[in-house]
Amino acid sequence: QFQAQIYLKREDLNHTGAHKINNAIGQVLLAKRLNKKRIIAETGA
């Protein structure tokens, strides 16, 4: 369609359906090592 070499990076195929899980896993692991017991977060979509 666009007469170029188009690639899609399929972050939609991650568990939970988006890229957000990459950061969430990392930060929860960090929180555990800081001895936190509760997580809060904001979300839009």
PDB file of all heavy atoms in Angstrom:
ATOM      1  N   GLN A   1       0.822  -1.214   0.000  1.00  0.00           N
ATOM      2  CA  GLN A   1       0.000   0.000   0.000  1.00  0.00           C
ATOM      3  C   GLN A   1       0.855   1.263   0.000  1.00  0.00           C
ATOM      4  O   GLN A   1       0.569   2.215  -0.740  1.00  0.00           O
ATOM      5  CB  GLN A   1      -0.921  -0.003   1.226  1.00  0.00           C
ATOM      6  CG  GLN A   1      -1.827   1.236   1.305  1.00  0.00           C
ATOM      7  CD  GLN A   1      -2.701   1.229   2.551  1.00  0.00           C
ATOM      8  OE1 GLN A   1      -2.807   0.235   3.258  1.00  0.00           O
ATOM      9  NE2 GLN A   1      -3.332   2.361   2.828  1.00  0.00           N
ATOM     10  N   PHE A   2       1.912   1.278   0.824  1.00  0.00           N
ATOM     11  CA  PHE A   2       2.715   2.499   0.982  1.00  0.00           C
ATOM     12  C   PHE A   2       4.024   2.478   0.192  1.00  0.00           C
ATOM     13  O   PHE A   2       4.806   3.413   0.266  1.00  0.00           O
ATOM     14  CB  PHE A   2       3.000   2.740   2.474  1.00  0.00           C
ATOM     15  CG  PHE A   2       1.761   3.082   3.254  1.00  0.00           C
ATOM     16  CD1 PHE A   2       1.169   2.140   4.086  1.00  0.00           C
ATOM     17  CD2 PHE A   2       1.163   4.331   3.133  1.00  0.00           C
ATOM     18  CE1 PHE A   2       0.011   2.439   4.801  1.00  0.00           C
ATOM     19  CE2 PHE A   2       0.008   4.643   3.842  1.00  0.00           C
ATOM     20  CZ  PHE A   2      -0.569   3.693   4.676  1.00  0.00           C
ATOM     21  N   GLN A   3       4.244   1.390  -0.557  1.00  0.00           N
ATOM     22  CA  GLN A   3       5.429   1.281  -1.402  1.00  0.00           C
ATOM     23  C   GLN A   3       6.718   1.525  -0.607  1.00  0.00           C
ATOM     24  O   GLN A   3       7.571   2.344  -0.955  1.00  0.00           O
ATOM     25  CB  GLN A   3       5.324   2.245  -2.597  1.00  0.00           C
ATOM     26  CG  GLN A   3       4.258   1.856  -3.608  1.00  0.00           C
ATOM     27  CD  GLN A   3       4.565   0.507  -4.272  1.00  0.00           C
ATOM     28  OE1 GLN A   3       5.560   0.356  -4.994  1.00  0.00           O
ATOM     29  NE2 GLN A   3       3.732  -0.494  -3.994  1.00  0.00           N
ATOM     30  N   ALA A   4       6.831   0.792   0.495  1.00  0.00           N
ATOM     31  CA  ALA A   4       8.014   0.836   1.351  1.00  0.00           C
ATOM     32  C   ALA A   4       8.043  -0.467   2.145  1.00  0.00           C
ATOM     33  O   ALA A   4       7.143  -1.306   2.013  1.00  0.00           O
ATOM     34  CB  ALA A   4       7.956   2.039   2.285  1.00  0.00           C
ATOM     35  N   GLN A   5       9.085  -0.648   2.950  1.00  0.00           N
ATOM     36  CA  GLN A   5       9.222  -1.864   3.753  1.00  0.00           C
ATOM     37  C   GLN A   5       8.684  -1.577   5.159  1.00  0.00           C
ATOM     38  O   GLN A   5       9.370  -0.968   5.978  1.00  0.00           O
ATOM     39  CB  GLN A   5      10.685  -2.303   3.818  1.00  0.00           C
ATOM     40  CG  GLN A   5      11.389  -2.384   2.469  1.00  0.00           C
ATOM     41  CD  GLN A   5      10.696  -3.342   1.521  1.00  0.00           C
ATOM     42  OE1 GLN A   5      10.504  -4.514   1.849  1.00  0.00           O
ATOM     43  NE2 GLN A   5      10.312  -2.849   0.346  1.00  0.00           N
ATOM     44  N   ILE A   6       7.439  -1.999   5.436  1.00  0.00           N
ATOM     45  CA  ILE A   6       6.766  -1.658   6.691  1.00  0.00           C
ATOM     46  C   ILE A   6       6.782  -2.854   7.643  1.00  0.00           C
ATOM     47  O   ILE A   6       6.295  -3.941   7.299  1.00  0.00           O
ATOM     48  CB  ILE A   6       5.299  -1.227   6.465  1.00  0.00           C
ATOM     49  CG1 ILE A   6       5.185  -0.181   5.339  1.00  0.00           C
ATOM     50  CG2 ILE A   6       4.685  -0.742   7.781  1.00  0.00           C
ATOM     51  CD1 ILE A   6       5.771   1.160   5.651  1.00  0.00           C
ATOM     52  N   TYR A   7       7.325  -2.641   8.821  1.00  0.00           N
ATOM     53  CA  TYR A   7       7.345  -3.657   9.867  1.00  0.00           C
ATOM     54  C   TYR A   7       6.518  -3.171  11.063  1.00  0.00           C
ATOM     55  O   TYR A   7       6.532  -1.980  11.397  1.00  0.00           O
ATOM     56  CB  TYR A   7       8.776  -3.922  10.351  1.00  0.00           C
ATOM     57  CG  TYR A   7       9.648  -4.630   9.343  1.00  0.00           C
ATOM     58  CD1 TYR A   7      10.312  -3.918   8.347  1.00  0.00           C
ATOM     59  CD2 TYR A   7       9.831  -6.015   9.390  1.00  0.00           C
ATOM     60  CE1 TYR A   7      11.124  -4.562   7.418  1.00  0.00           C
ATOM     61  CE2 TYR A   7      10.640  -6.667   8.471  1.00  0.00           C
ATOM     62  CZ  TYR A   7      11.281  -5.935   7.492  1.00  0.00           C
ATOM     63  OH  TYR A   7      12.079  -6.587   6.578  1.00  0.00           O
ATOM     64  N   LEU A   8       5.835  -4.102  11.709  1.00  0.00           N
ATOM     65  CA  LEU A   8       5.079  -3.799  12.923  1.00  0.00           C
ATOM     66  C   LEU A   8       5.736  -4.492  14.116  1.00  0.00           C
ATOM     67  O   LEU A   8       5.917  -5.721  14.096  1.00  0.00           O
ATOM     68  CB  LEU A   8       3.629  -4.280  12.802  1.00  0.00           C
ATOM     69  CG  LEU A   8       2.817  -3.744  11.621  1.00  0.00           C
ATOM     70  CD1 LEU A   8       1.416  -4.366  11.627  1.00  0.00           C
ATOM     71  CD2 LEU A   8       2.724  -2.222  11.659  1.00  0.00           C
ATOM     72  N   LYS A   9       6.099  -3.726  15.129  1.00  0.00           N
ATOM     73  CA  LYS A   9       6.593  -4.308  16.372  1.00  0.00           C
ATOM     74  C   LYS A   9       5.376  -4.651  17.217  1.00  0.00           C
ATOM     75  O   LYS A   9       4.653  -3.766  17.667  1.00  0.00           O
ATOM     76  CB  LYS A   9       7.527  -3.327  17.092  1.00  0.00           C
ATOM     77  CG  LYS A   9       8.111  -3.871  18.399  1.00  0.00           C
ATOM     78  CD  LYS A   9       8.906  -5.150  18.219  1.00  0.00           C
ATOM     79  CE  LYS A   9       9.628  -5.546  19.512  1.00  0.00           C
ATOM     80  NZ  LYS A   9      10.068  -6.955  19.480  1.00  0.00           N
ATOM     81  N   ARG A  10       5.147  -5.948  17.434  1.00  0.00           N
ATOM     82  CA  ARG A  10       3.873  -6.440  17.942  1.00  0.00           C
ATOM     83  C   ARG A  10       3.806  -6.437  19.470  1.00  0.00           C
ATOM     84  O   ARG A  10       3.649  -7.484  20.109  1.00  0.00           O
ATOM     85  CB  ARG A  10       3.611  -7.837  17.384  1.00  0.00           C
ATOM     86  CG  ARG A  10       3.468  -7.925  15.859  1.00  0.00           C
ATOM     87  CD  ARG A  10       2.216  -7.252  15.335  1.00  0.00           C
ATOM     88  NE  ARG A  10       1.000  -7.694  16.002  1.00  0.00           N
ATOM     89  CZ  ARG A  10       0.297  -8.776  15.646  1.00  0.00           C
ATOM     90  NH1 ARG A  10       0.680  -9.509  14.609  1.00  0.00           N
ATOM     91  NH2 ARG A  10      -0.793  -9.101  16.290  1.00  0.00           N
ATOM     92  N   GLU A  11       3.847  -5.241  20.068  1.00  0.00           N
ATOM     93  CA  GLU A  11       3.674  -5.129  21.519  1.00  0.00           C
ATOM     94  C   GLU A  11       2.261  -5.522  21.951  1.00  0.00           C
ATOM     95  O   GLU A  11       2.017  -5.808  23.128  1.00  0.00           O
ATOM     96  CB  GLU A  11       4.000  -3.712  21.993  1.00  0.00           C
ATOM     97  CG  GLU A  11       5.470  -3.343  21.879  1.00  0.00           C
ATOM     98  CD  GLU A  11       6.356  -4.239  22.722  1.00  0.00           C
ATOM     99  OE1 GLU A  11       6.282  -4.156  23.958  1.00  0.00           O
ATOM    100  OE2 GLU A  11       7.121  -5.034  22.138  1.00  0.00           O
ATOM    101  N   ASP A  12       1.334  -5.539  20.983  1.00  0.00           N
ATOM    102  CA  ASP A  12      -0.039  -5.977  21.282  1.00  0.00           C
ATOM    103  C   ASP A  12      -0.104  -7.444  21.680  1.00  0.00           C
ATOM    104  O   ASP A  12      -1.090  -7.896  22.273  1.00  0.00           O
ATOM    105  CB  ASP A  12      -0.951  -5.718  20.079  1.00  0.00           C
ATOM    106  CG  ASP A  12      -0.481  -6.455  18.826  1.00  0.00           C
ATOM    107  OD1 ASP A  12       0.715  -6.319  18.466  1.00  0.00           O
ATOM    108  OD2 ASP A  12      -1.300  -7.150  18.198  1.00  0.00           O
ATOM    109  N   LEU A  13       0.946  -8.206  21.371  1.00  0.00           N
ATOM    110  CA  LEU A  13       0.961  -9.633  21.685  1.00  0.00           C
ATOM    111  C   LEU A  13       1.547  -9.944  23.061  1.00  0.00           C
ATOM    112  O   LEU A  13       1.592 -11.105  23.476  1.00  0.00           O
ATOM    113  CB  LEU A  13       1.728 -10.407  20.598  1.00  0.00           C
ATOM    114  CG  LEU A  13       1.075 -10.379  19.213  1.00  0.00           C
ATOM    115  CD1 LEU A  13       1.916 -11.134  18.197  1.00  0.00           C
ATOM    116  CD2 LEU A  13      -0.335 -10.959  19.265  1.00  0.00           C
ATOM    117  N   ASN A  14       1.993  -8.923  23.779  1.00  0.00           N
ATOM    118  CA  ASN A  14       2.410  -9.130  25.166  1.00  0.00           C
ATOM    119  C   ASN A  14       1.236  -9.629  26.008  1.00  0.00           C
ATOM    120  O   ASN A  14       0.081  -9.305  25.740  1.00  0.00           O
ATOM    121  CB  ASN A  14       2.872  -7.803  25.793  1.00  0.00           C
ATOM    122  CG  ASN A  14       4.261  -7.409  25.371  1.00  0.00           C
ATOM    123  OD1 ASN A  14       5.136  -8.242  25.210  1.00  0.00           O
ATOM    124  ND2 ASN A  14       4.475  -6.102  25.201  1.00  0.00           N
ATOM    125  N   HIS A  15       1.546 -10.365  27.083  1.00  0.00           N
ATOM    126  CA  HIS A  15       0.528 -10.665  28.088  1.00  0.00           C
ATOM    127  C   HIS A  15      -0.069  -9.343  28.580  1.00  0.00           C
ATOM    128  O   HIS A  15       0.662  -8.395  28.845  1.00  0.00           O
ATOM    129  CB  HIS A  15       1.171 -11.429  29.256  1.00  0.00           C
ATOM    130  CG  HIS A  15       0.228 -11.770  30.356  1.00  0.00           C
ATOM    131  ND1 HIS A  15      -1.033 -12.237  30.122  1.00  0.00           N
ATOM    132  CD2 HIS A  15       0.350 -11.694  31.712  1.00  0.00           C
ATOM    133  CE1 HIS A  15      -1.647 -12.452  31.264  1.00  0.00           C
ATOM    134  NE2 HIS A  15      -0.824 -12.126  32.258  1.00  0.00           N
ATOM    135  N   THR A  16      -1.356  -9.275  28.654  1.00  0.00           N
ATOM    136  CA  THR A  16      -2.184  -8.092  28.986  1.00  0.00           C
ATOM    137  C   THR A  16      -2.440  -7.184  27.778  1.00  0.00           C
ATOM    138  O   THR A  16      -3.199  -6.238  27.890  1.00  0.00           O
ATOM    139  CB  THR A  16      -1.662  -7.232  30.161  1.00  0.00           C
ATOM    140  OG1 THR A  16      -0.509  -6.478  29.767  1.00  0.00           O
ATOM    141  CG2 THR A  16      -1.345  -8.078  31.384  1.00  0.00           C
ATOM    142  N   GLY A  17      -1.785  -7.410  26.642  1.00  0.00           N
ATOM    143  CA  GLY A  17      -2.188  -6.740  25.413  1.00  0.00           C
ATOM    144  C   GLY A  17      -1.542  -5.418  25.088  1.00  0.00           C
ATOM    145  O   GLY A  17      -2.011  -4.707  24.202  1.00  0.00           O
ATOM    146  N   ALA A  18      -0.468  -5.058  25.780  1.00  0.00           N
ATOM    147  CA  ALA A  18       0.210  -3.788  25.468  1.00  0.00           C
ATOM    148  C   ALA A  18       1.617  -3.799  26.059  1.00  0.00           C
ATOM    149  O   ALA A  18       2.002  -4.703  26.810  1.00  0.00           O
ATOM    150  CB  ALA A  18      -0.580  -2.599  26.014  1.00  0.00           C
ATOM    151  N   HIS A  19       2.359  -2.737  25.735  1.00  0.00           N
ATOM    152  CA  HIS A  19       3.741  -2.598  26.210  1.00  0.00           C
ATOM    153  C   HIS A  19       3.833  -2.308  27.701  1.00  0.00           C
ATOM    154  O   HIS A  19       4.899  -2.463  28.303  1.00  0.00           O
ATOM    155  CB  HIS A  19       4.429  -1.455  25.454  1.00  0.00           C
ATOM    156  CG  HIS A  19       3.893  -0.103  25.816  1.00  0.00           C
ATOM    157  ND1 HIS A  19       2.624   0.320  25.462  1.00  0.00           N
ATOM    158  CD2 HIS A  19       4.428   0.921  26.523  1.00  0.00           C
ATOM    159  CE1 HIS A  19       2.412   1.525  25.928  1.00  0.00           C
ATOM    160  NE2 HIS A  19       3.486   1.921  26.575  1.00  0.00           N
ATOM    161  N   LYS A  20       2.751  -1.890  28.330  1.00  0.00           N
ATOM    162  CA  LYS A  20       2.795  -1.416  29.718  1.00  0.00           C
ATOM    163  C   LYS A  20       3.323  -2.463  30.696  1.00  0.00           C
ATOM    164  O   LYS A  20       3.882  -2.115  31.735  1.00  0.00           O
ATOM    165  CB  LYS A  20       1.403  -0.955  30.162  1.00  0.00           C
ATOM    166  CG  LYS A  20       0.872   0.260  29.415  1.00  0.00           C
ATOM    167  CD  LYS A  20       1.642   1.513  29.763  1.00  0.00           C
ATOM    168  CE  LYS A  20       0.993   2.762  29.179  1.00  0.00           C
ATOM    169  NZ  LYS A  20       1.746   3.991  29.475  1.00  0.00           N
ATOM    170  N   ILE A  21       3.159  -3.731  30.381  1.00  0.00           N
ATOM    171  CA  ILE A  21       3.582  -4.804  31.284  1.00  0.00           C
ATOM    172  C   ILE A  21       5.102  -4.811  31.488  1.00  0.00           C
ATOM    173  O   ILE A  21       5.588  -5.219  32.545  1.00  0.00           O
ATOM    174  CB  ILE A  21       3.083  -6.181  30.764  1.00  0.00           C
ATOM    175  CG1 ILE A  21       3.263  -7.273  31.806  1.00  0.00           C
ATOM    176  CG2 ILE A  21       3.751  -6.542  29.447  1.00  0.00           C
ATOM    177  CD1 ILE A  21       2.306  -7.245  32.951  1.00  0.00           C
ATOM    178  N   ASN A  22       5.871  -4.337  30.497  1.00  0.00           N
ATOM    179  CA  ASN A  22       7.336  -4.306  30.625  1.00  0.00           C
ATOM    180  C   ASN A  22       7.750  -3.499  31.854  1.00  0.00           C
ATOM    181  O   ASN A  22       8.605  -3.912  32.643  1.00  0.00           O
ATOM    182  CB  ASN A  22       7.987  -3.672  29.383  1.00  0.00           C
ATOM    183  CG  ASN A  22       7.583  -4.350  28.094  1.00  0.00           C
ATOM    184  OD1 ASN A  22       7.397  -5.564  28.046  1.00  0.00           O
ATOM    185  ND2 ASN A  22       7.444  -3.571  27.022  1.00  0.00           N
ATOM    186  N   ASN A  23       7.141  -2.341  32.005  1.00  0.00           N
ATOM    187  CA  ASN A  23       7.449  -1.436  33.105  1.00  0.00           C
ATOM    188  C   ASN A  23       6.821  -1.909  34.415  1.00  0.00           C
ATOM    189  O   ASN A  23       7.433  -1.818  35.478  1.00  0.00           O
ATOM    190  CB  ASN A  23       6.960  -0.031  32.750  1.00  0.00           C
ATOM    191  CG  ASN A  23       6.997   0.926  33.918  1.00  0.00           C
ATOM    192  OD1 ASN A  23       8.040   1.182  34.508  1.00  0.00           O
ATOM    193  ND2 ASN A  23       5.839   1.469  34.285  1.00  0.00           N
ATOM    194  N   ALA A  24       5.606  -2.422  34.345  1.00  0.00           N
ATOM    195  CA  ALA A  24       4.906  -2.843  35.565  1.00  0.00           C
ATOM    196  C   ALA A  24       5.657  -3.966  36.269  1.00  0.00           C
ATOM    197  O   ALA A  24       5.842  -3.931  37.495  1.00  0.00           O
ATOM    198  CB  ALA A  24       3.477  -3.275  35.234  1.00  0.00           C
ATOM    199  N   ILE A  25       6.100  -4.955  35.521  1.00  0.00           N
ATOM    200  CA  ILE A  25       6.875  -6.055  36.116  1.00  0.00           C
ATOM    201  C   ILE A  25       8.149  -5.514  36.759  1.00  0.00           C
ATOM    202  O   ILE A  25       8.488  -5.837  37.900  1.00  0.00           O
ATOM    203  CB  ILE A  25       7.239  -7.114  35.040  1.00  0.00           C
ATOM    204  CG1 ILE A  25       5.985  -7.826  34.534  1.00  0.00           C
ATOM    205  CG2 ILE A  25       8.268  -8.098  35.562  1.00  0.00           C
ATOM    206  CD1 ILE A  25       5.465  -8.948  35.400  1.00  0.00           C
ATOM    207  N   GLY A  26       8.868  -4.650  36.027  1.00  0.00           N
ATOM    208  CA  GLY A  26      10.119  -4.089  36.547  1.00  0.00           C
ATOM    209  C   GLY A  26       9.905  -3.311  37.834  1.00  0.00           C
ATOM    210  O   GLY A  26      10.649  -3.477  38.815  1.00  0.00           O
ATOM    211  N   GLN A  27       8.866  -2.463  37.865  1.00  0.00           N
ATOM    212  CA  GLN A  27       8.654  -1.633  39.051  1.00  0.00           C
ATOM    213  C   GLN A  27       8.142  -2.425  40.251  1.00  0.00           C
ATOM    214  O   GLN A  27       8.468  -2.106  41.401  1.00  0.00           O
ATOM    215  CB  GLN A  27       7.720  -0.460  38.731  1.00  0.00           C
ATOM    216  CG  GLN A  27       8.411   0.642  37.948  1.00  0.00           C
ATOM    217  CD  GLN A  27       7.758   1.989  38.161  1.00  0.00           C
ATOM    218  OE1 GLN A  27       7.522   2.412  39.279  1.00  0.00           O
ATOM    219  NE2 GLN A  27       7.481   2.680  37.065  1.00  0.00           N
ATOM    220  N   VAL A  28       7.330  -3.464  40.027  1.00  0.00           N
ATOM    221  CA  VAL A  28       6.885  -4.285  41.155  1.00  0.00           C
ATOM    222  C   VAL A  28       8.071  -5.059  41.741  1.00  0.00           C
ATOM    223  O   VAL A  28       8.203  -5.184  42.964  1.00  0.00           O
ATOM    224  CB  VAL A  28       5.731  -5.227  40.750  1.00  0.00           C
ATOM    225  CG1 VAL A  28       5.417  -6.209  41.884  1.00  0.00           C
ATOM    226  CG2 VAL A  28       4.482  -4.420  40.425  1.00  0.00           C
ATOM    227  N   LEU A  29       8.952  -5.545  40.893  1.00  0.00           N
ATOM    228  CA  LEU A  29      10.176  -6.200  41.394  1.00  0.00           C
ATOM    229  C   LEU A  29      11.021  -5.220  42.207  1.00  0.00           C
ATOM    230  O   LEU A  29      11.577  -5.580  43.257  1.00  0.00           O
ATOM    231  CB  LEU A  29      10.998  -6.758  40.225  1.00  0.00           C
ATOM    232  CG  LEU A  29      10.410  -7.961  39.481  1.00  0.00           C
ATOM    233  CD1 LEU A  29      11.295  -8.323  38.285  1.00  0.00           C
ATOM    234  CD2 LEU A  29      10.255  -9.160  40.409  1.00  0.00           C
ATOM    235  N   LEU A  30      11.120  -3.978  41.742  1.00  0.00           N
ATOM    236  CA  LEU A  30      11.844  -2.935  42.472  1.00  0.00           C
ATOM    237  C   LEU A  30      11.173  -2.656  43.818  1.00  0.00           C
ATOM    238  O   LEU A  30      11.836  -2.556  44.854  1.00  0.00           O
ATOM    239  CB  LEU A  30      11.900  -1.661  41.619  1.00  0.00           C
ATOM    240  CG  LEU A  30      12.505  -0.400  42.257  1.00  0.00           C
ATOM    241  CD1 LEU A  30      13.973  -0.617  42.615  1.00  0.00           C
ATOM    242  CD2 LEU A  30      12.357   0.795  41.316  1.00  0.00           C
ATOM    243  N   ALA A  31       9.840  -2.535  43.816  1.00  0.00           N
ATOM    244  CA  ALA A  31       9.093  -2.248  45.047  1.00  0.00           C
ATOM    245  C   ALA A  31       9.308  -3.334  46.095  1.00  0.00           C
ATOM    246  O   ALA A  31       9.464  -3.040  47.293  1.00  0.00           O
ATOM    247  CB  ALA A  31       7.602  -2.109  44.726  1.00  0.00           C
ATOM    248  N   LYS A  32       9.322  -4.587  45.656  1.00  0.00           N
ATOM    249  CA  LYS A  32       9.535  -5.689  46.603  1.00  0.00           C
ATOM    250  C   LYS A  32      10.908  -5.588  47.254  1.00  0.00           C
ATOM    251  O   LYS A  32      11.067  -5.856  48.452  1.00  0.00           O
ATOM    252  CB  LYS A  32       9.377  -7.042  45.899  1.00  0.00           C
ATOM    253  CG  LYS A  32       7.943  -7.353  45.511  1.00  0.00           C
ATOM    254  CD  LYS A  32       7.717  -8.816  45.222  1.00  0.00           C
ATOM    255  CE  LYS A  32       7.687  -9.630  46.504  1.00  0.00           C
ATOM    256  NZ  LYS A  32       6.939 -10.880  46.381  1.00  0.00           N
ATOM    257  N   ARG A  33      11.892  -5.184  46.471  1.00  0.00           N
ATOM    258  CA  ARG A  33      13.247  -5.053  47.019  1.00  0.00           C
ATOM    259  C   ARG A  33      13.381  -3.824  47.918  1.00  0.00           C
ATOM    260  O   ARG A  33      14.331  -3.719  48.687  1.00  0.00           O
ATOM    261  CB  ARG A  33      14.263  -5.016  45.874  1.00  0.00           C
ATOM    262  CG  ARG A  33      14.515  -6.407  45.286  1.00  0.00           C
ATOM    263  CD  ARG A  33      15.132  -6.367  43.898  1.00  0.00           C
ATOM    264  NE  ARG A  33      15.495  -7.703  43.429  1.00  0.00           N
ATOM    265  CZ  ARG A  33      14.640  -8.580  42.915  1.00  0.00           C
ATOM    266  NH1 ARG A  33      13.356  -8.258  42.802  1.00  0.00           N
ATOM    267  NH2 ARG A  33      15.054  -9.776  42.518  1.00  0.00           N
ATOM    268  N   LEU A  34      12.425  -2.895  47.831  1.00  0.00           N
ATOM    269  CA  LEU A  34      12.360  -1.746  48.742  1.00  0.00           C
ATOM    270  C   LEU A  34      11.417  -2.024  49.927  1.00  0.00           C
ATOM    271  O   LEU A  34      11.098  -1.131  50.702  1.00  0.00           O
ATOM    272  CB  LEU A  34      11.877  -0.498  47.992  1.00  0.00           C
ATOM    273  CG  LEU A  34      12.854   0.092  46.960  1.00  0.00           C
ATOM    274  CD1 LEU A  34      12.156   1.145  46.105  1.00  0.00           C
ATOM    275  CD2 LEU A  34      14.092   0.673  47.631  1.00  0.00           C
ATOM    276  N   ASN A  35      10.961  -3.295  50.020  1.00  0.00           N
ATOM    277  CA  ASN A  35      10.097  -3.761  51.126  1.00  0.00           C
ATOM    278  C   ASN A  35       8.743  -3.051  51.176  1.00  0.00           C
ATOM    279  O   ASN A  35       8.196  -2.813  52.251  1.00  0.00           O
ATOM    280  CB  ASN A  35      10.822  -3.615  52.477  1.00  0.00           C
ATOM    281  CG  ASN A  35      12.071  -4.466  52.543  1.00  0.00           C
ATOM    282  OD1 ASN A  35      12.038  -5.649  52.201  1.00  0.00           O
ATOM    283  ND2 ASN A  35      13.184  -3.864  52.945  1.00  0.00           N
ATOM    284  N   LYS A  36       8.203  -2.713  50.005  1.00  0.00           N
ATOM    285  CA  LYS A  36       6.862  -2.116  49.941  1.00  0.00           C
ATOM    286  C   LYS A  36       5.809  -3.226  49.924  1.00  0.00           C
ATOM    287  O   LYS A  36       6.027  -4.290  49.342  1.00  0.00           O
ATOM    288  CB  LYS A  36       6.713  -1.239  48.691  1.00  0.00           C
ATOM    289  CG  LYS A  36       7.792  -0.160  48.547  1.00  0.00           C
ATOM    290  CD  LYS A  36       7.763   0.854  49.659  1.00  0.00           C
ATOM    291  CE  LYS A  36       8.808   1.933  49.469  1.00  0.00           C
ATOM    292  NZ  LYS A  36       8.855   2.883  50.577  1.00  0.00           N
ATOM    293  N   LYS A  37       4.677  -2.954  50.547  1.00  0.00           N
ATOM    294  CA  LYS A  37       3.603  -3.950  50.638  1.00  0.00           C
ATOM    295  C   LYS A  37       2.402  -3.596  49.758  1.00  0.00           C
ATOM    296  O   LYS A  37       1.545  -4.435  49.507  1.00  0.00           O
ATOM    297  CB  LYS A  37       3.102  -4.059  52.088  1.00  0.00           C
ATOM    298  CG  LYS A  37       4.197  -4.342  53.108  1.00  0.00           C
ATOM    299  CD  LYS A  37       4.879  -5.670  52.834  1.00  0.00           C
ATOM    300  CE  LYS A  37       5.958  -5.955  53.875  1.00  0.00           C
ATOM    301  NZ  LYS A  37       6.977  -6.890  53.373  1.00  0.00           N
ATOM    302  N   ARG A  38       2.331  -2.342  49.322  1.00  0.00           N
ATOM    303  CA  ARG A  38       1.152  -1.878  48.584  1.00  0.00           C
ATOM    304  C   ARG A  38       1.600  -1.105  47.352  1.00  0.00           C
ATOM    305  O   ARG A  38       2.558  -0.336  47.403  1.00  0.00           O
ATOM    306  CB  ARG A  38       0.300  -0.986  49.492  1.00  0.00           C
ATOM    307  CG  ARG A  38      -0.915  -0.363  48.823  1.00  0.00           C
ATOM    308  CD  ARG A  38      -1.775   0.362  49.858  1.00  0.00           C
ATOM    309  NE  ARG A  38      -2.900   1.057  49.252  1.00  0.00           N
ATOM    310  CZ  ARG A  38      -2.996   2.372  49.138  1.00  0.00           C
ATOM    311  NH1 ARG A  38      -2.042   3.166  49.614  1.00  0.00           N
ATOM    312  NH2 ARG A  38      -4.060   2.919  48.578  1.00  0.00           N
ATOM    313  N   ILE A  39       0.891  -1.318  46.271  1.00  0.00           N
ATOM    314  CA  ILE A  39       1.174  -0.626  45.008  1.00  0.00           C
ATOM    315  C   ILE A  39      -0.022   0.245  44.645  1.00  0.00           C
ATOM    316  O   ILE A  39      -1.175  -0.191  44.739  1.00  0.00           O
ATOM    317  CB  ILE A  39       1.424  -1.641  43.867  1.00  0.00           C
ATOM    318  CG1 ILE A  39       2.673  -2.482  44.142  1.00  0.00           C
ATOM    319  CG2 ILE A  39       1.540  -0.921  42.523  1.00  0.00           C
ATOM    320  CD1 ILE A  39       3.982  -1.739  44.148  1.00  0.00           C
ATOM    321  N   ILE A  40       0.255   1.480  44.235  1.00  0.00           N
ATOM    322  CA  ILE A  40      -0.786   2.324  43.641  1.00  0.00           C
ATOM    323  C   ILE A  40      -0.321   2.745  42.247  1.00  0.00           C
ATOM    324  O   ILE A  40       0.879   2.810  41.974  1.00  0.00           O
ATOM    325  CB  ILE A  40      -1.110   3.571  44.504  1.00  0.00           C
ATOM    326  CG1 ILE A  40       0.136   4.435  44.713  1.00  0.00           C
ATOM    327  CG2 ILE A  40      -1.721   3.154  45.829  1.00  0.00           C
ATOM    328  CD1 ILE A  40      -0.156   5.742  45.455  1.00  0.00           C
ATOM    329  N   ALA A  41      -1.283   3.014  41.393  1.00  0.00           N
ATOM    330  CA  ALA A  41      -0.956   3.432  40.024  1.00  0.00           C
ATOM    331  C   ALA A  41      -2.115   4.226  39.458  1.00  0.00           C
ATOM    332  O   ALA A  41      -3.254   4.107  39.914  1.00  0.00           O
ATOM    333  CB  ALA A  41      -0.676   2.214  39.141  1.00  0.00           C
ATOM    334  N   GLU A  42      -1.787   5.051  38.448  1.00  0.00           N
ATOM    335  CA  GLU A  42      -2.814   5.751  37.682  1.00  0.00           C
ATOM    336  C   GLU A  42      -2.951   5.051  36.342  1.00  0.00           C
ATOM    337  O   GLU A  42      -2.034   4.369  35.894  1.00  0.00           O
ATOM    338  CB  GLU A  42      -2.409   7.218  37.484  1.00  0.00           C
ATOM    339  CG  GLU A  42      -1.557   7.512  36.245  1.00  0.00           C
ATOM    340  CD  GLU A  42      -0.193   6.829  36.212  1.00  0.00           C
ATOM    341  OE1 GLU A  42       0.412   6.609  37.276  1.00  0.00           O
ATOM    342  OE2 GLU A  42       0.284   6.501  35.088  1.00  0.00           O
ATOM    343  N   THR A  43      -4.100   5.191  35.715  1.00  0.00           N
ATOM    344  CA  THR A  43      -4.231   4.631  34.373  1.00  0.00           C
ATOM    345  C   THR A  43      -5.223   5.455  33.559  1.00  0.00           C
ATOM    346  O   THR A  43      -6.144   6.049  34.114  1.00  0.00           O
ATOM    347  CB  THR A  43      -4.650   3.141  34.419  1.00  0.00           C
ATOM    348  OG1 THR A  43      -4.441   2.540  33.147  1.00  0.00           O
ATOM    349  CG2 THR A  43      -6.101   2.965  34.845  1.00  0.00           C
ATOM    350  N   GLY A  44      -4.997   5.519  32.241  1.00  0.00           N
ATOM    351  CA  GLY A  44      -5.884   6.241  31.343  1.00  0.00           C
ATOM    352  C   GLY A  44      -6.702   5.244  30.533  1.00  0.00           C
ATOM    353  O   GLY A  44      -7.889   5.027  30.771  1.00  0.00           O
ATOM    354  N   ALA A  45      -6.043   4.604  29.571  1.00  0.00           N
ATOM    355  CA  ALA A  45      -6.722   3.595  28.759  1.00  0.00           C
ATOM    356  C   ALA A  45      -7.013   2.327  29.548  1.00  0.00           C
ATOM    357  O   ALA A  45      -7.783   1.481  29.124  1.00  0.00           O
ATOM    358  CB  ALA A  45      -5.872   3.257  27.540  1.00  0.00           C
TER     359      ALA A  45
END
